[in-house]
Amino acid sequence: MPAKDELARRRYEKLVGRLESMMRTALKPQYRGYYGQLILNGDDLAEMGELKDVRRAAREAGNRLGWKPTTRLVNGRLFVLDEREAPAEIEKLAQDASAKAMDRAWQEHQ
């Protein structure tokens, strides 16, 4: 039985590492590590294993990145989000980027 536990532990650590890498890659450098998010679709989730294990691994990966991680399952997709409050200058930068994206979408719609 201990060999099975060791295999499960190694599999879990590999999953945490993979998720941490994906989360790190998804970060926008200008936000200095804040506003992190990762969205895993149903195919990603099926490949990674049981939902409860993926959620737990995602929270651990987020903690390793300094996030205050939370997970939400919506329509078969798992959202992993950093819920830390960002410093004012980064919050303003993100708000400006969102406003520009909304303006572009509005102009394309017209």
Protein backbone atom coordinates (compact mmCIF):
# COMPACT_ATOMS: atom_id res chain seq x y z
CA MET A 1 0.00 0.00 0.00
CA PRO A 2 2.76 2.56 0.72
CA ALA A 3 4.01 2.25 -2.88
CA LYS A 4 0.56 3.29 -4.09
CA ASP A 5 0.59 6.27 -1.72
CA GLU A 6 4.02 7.29 -3.02
CA LEU A 7 2.80 7.05 -6.61
CA ALA A 8 -0.28 9.14 -5.79
CA ARG A 9 1.90 11.74 -4.06
CA ARG A 10 4.24 11.98 -7.05
CA ARG A 11 1.30 12.27 -9.45
CA TYR A 12 -0.18 15.04 -7.30
CA GLU A 13 3.14 16.93 -7.13
CA LYS A 14 3.47 16.68 -10.90
CA LEU A 15 -0.06 18.09 -11.29
CA VAL A 16 0.73 20.97 -8.92
CA GLY A 17 3.88 21.74 -10.91
CA ARG A 18 2.03 21.64 -14.22
CA LEU A 19 -0.72 23.93 -12.93
CA GLU A 20 1.81 26.32 -11.39
CA SER A 21 3.60 26.56 -14.73
CA MET A 22 0.33 27.24 -16.57
CA MET A 23 -0.67 29.86 -14.00
CA ARG A 24 2.73 31.57 -14.17
CA THR A 25 2.57 31.65 -17.98
CA ALA A 26 -0.90 33.24 -17.89
CA LEU A 27 0.28 36.16 -15.73
CA LYS A 28 0.62 39.55 -17.39
CA PRO A 29 4.02 41.04 -16.49
CA GLN A 30 2.65 44.59 -16.20
CA TYR A 31 0.42 43.46 -13.31
CA ARG A 32 3.46 42.22 -11.31
CA GLY A 33 1.85 38.91 -10.35
CA TYR A 34 -1.61 40.25 -9.51
CA TYR A 35 -4.87 39.47 -11.33
CA GLY A 36 -3.82 35.89 -11.99
CA GLN A 37 -6.29 33.51 -13.53
CA LEU A 38 -6.36 30.16 -15.24
CA ILE A 39 -9.34 28.65 -17.05
CA LEU A 40 -9.41 24.91 -17.61
CA ASN A 41 -12.00 23.48 -19.99
CA GLY A 42 -13.66 20.09 -19.68
CA ASP A 43 -11.03 18.35 -21.81
CA ASP A 44 -8.22 19.76 -19.66
CA LEU A 45 -10.00 18.63 -16.52
CA ALA A 46 -10.65 15.12 -17.83
CA GLU A 47 -6.97 14.76 -18.71
CA MET A 48 -5.80 15.97 -15.29
CA GLY A 49 -7.85 13.63 -13.14
CA GLU A 50 -10.53 13.97 -10.52
CA LEU A 51 -12.01 17.44 -10.08
CA LYS A 52 -11.40 17.51 -6.33
CA ASP A 53 -7.72 16.70 -6.88
CA VAL A 54 -7.33 19.33 -9.62
CA ARG A 55 -8.97 21.98 -7.42
CA ARG A 56 -6.73 21.12 -4.48
CA ALA A 57 -3.63 21.12 -6.70
CA ALA A 58 -4.64 24.45 -8.27
CA ARG A 59 -5.03 26.04 -4.85
CA GLU A 60 -1.60 24.74 -3.81
CA ALA A 61 -0.05 26.01 -7.05
CA GLY A 62 -1.64 29.41 -6.46
CA ASN A 63 -0.27 29.52 -2.94
CA ARG A 64 3.21 28.82 -4.31
CA LEU A 65 2.81 31.88 -6.55
CA GLY A 66 1.75 34.06 -3.62
CA TRP A 67 -1.88 34.16 -4.70
CA LYS A 68 -4.96 34.01 -2.55
CA PRO A 69 -6.40 31.28 -4.79
CA THR A 70 -10.00 30.30 -5.22
CA THR A 71 -11.61 27.91 -7.67
CA ARG A 72 -15.02 28.11 -9.32
CA LEU A 73 -16.64 25.50 -11.56
CA VAL A 74 -18.89 27.13 -14.18
CA ASN A 75 -20.49 25.22 -17.06
CA GLY A 76 -17.84 22.50 -17.00
CA ARG A 77 -14.90 24.92 -16.85
CA LEU A 78 -12.72 25.41 -13.79
CA PHE A 79 -11.68 28.99 -13.07
CA VAL A 80 -8.67 29.45 -10.80
CA LEU A 81 -8.50 33.05 -9.61
CA ASP A 82 -6.21 35.17 -7.47
CA GLU A 83 -8.41 37.10 -5.05
CA ARG A 84 -5.72 39.29 -3.51
CA GLU A 85 -6.35 43.00 -3.47
CA ALA A 86 -3.97 44.64 -5.93
CA PRO A 87 -2.05 47.85 -5.15
CA ALA A 88 -3.77 51.00 -6.42
CA GLU A 89 -1.39 51.60 -9.33
CA ILE A 90 -1.86 48.05 -10.65
CA GLU A 91 -5.63 48.24 -10.15
CA LYS A 92 -5.70 51.46 -12.21
CA LEU A 93 -3.58 49.87 -14.93
CA ALA A 94 -5.97 46.89 -15.12
CA GLN A 95 -9.02 49.16 -15.16
CA ASP A 96 -7.54 51.21 -18.01
CA ALA A 97 -6.78 48.04 -19.99
CA SER A 98 -10.35 46.79 -19.44
CA ALA A 99 -11.80 50.11 -20.54
CA LYS A 100 -9.69 50.09 -23.72
CA ALA A 101 -10.78 46.52 -24.50
CA MET A 102 -14.43 47.48 -24.01
CA ASP A 103 -13.99 50.53 -26.27
CA ARG A 104 -12.44 48.33 -28.99
CA ALA A 105 -15.29 45.82 -28.71
CA TRP A 106 -17.83 48.62 -28.87
CA GLN A 107 -16.20 50.13 -31.96
CA GLU A 108 -16.02 46.74 -33.70
CA HIS A 109 -19.69 46.17 -32.96
CA GLN A 110 -20.71 49.49 -34.55
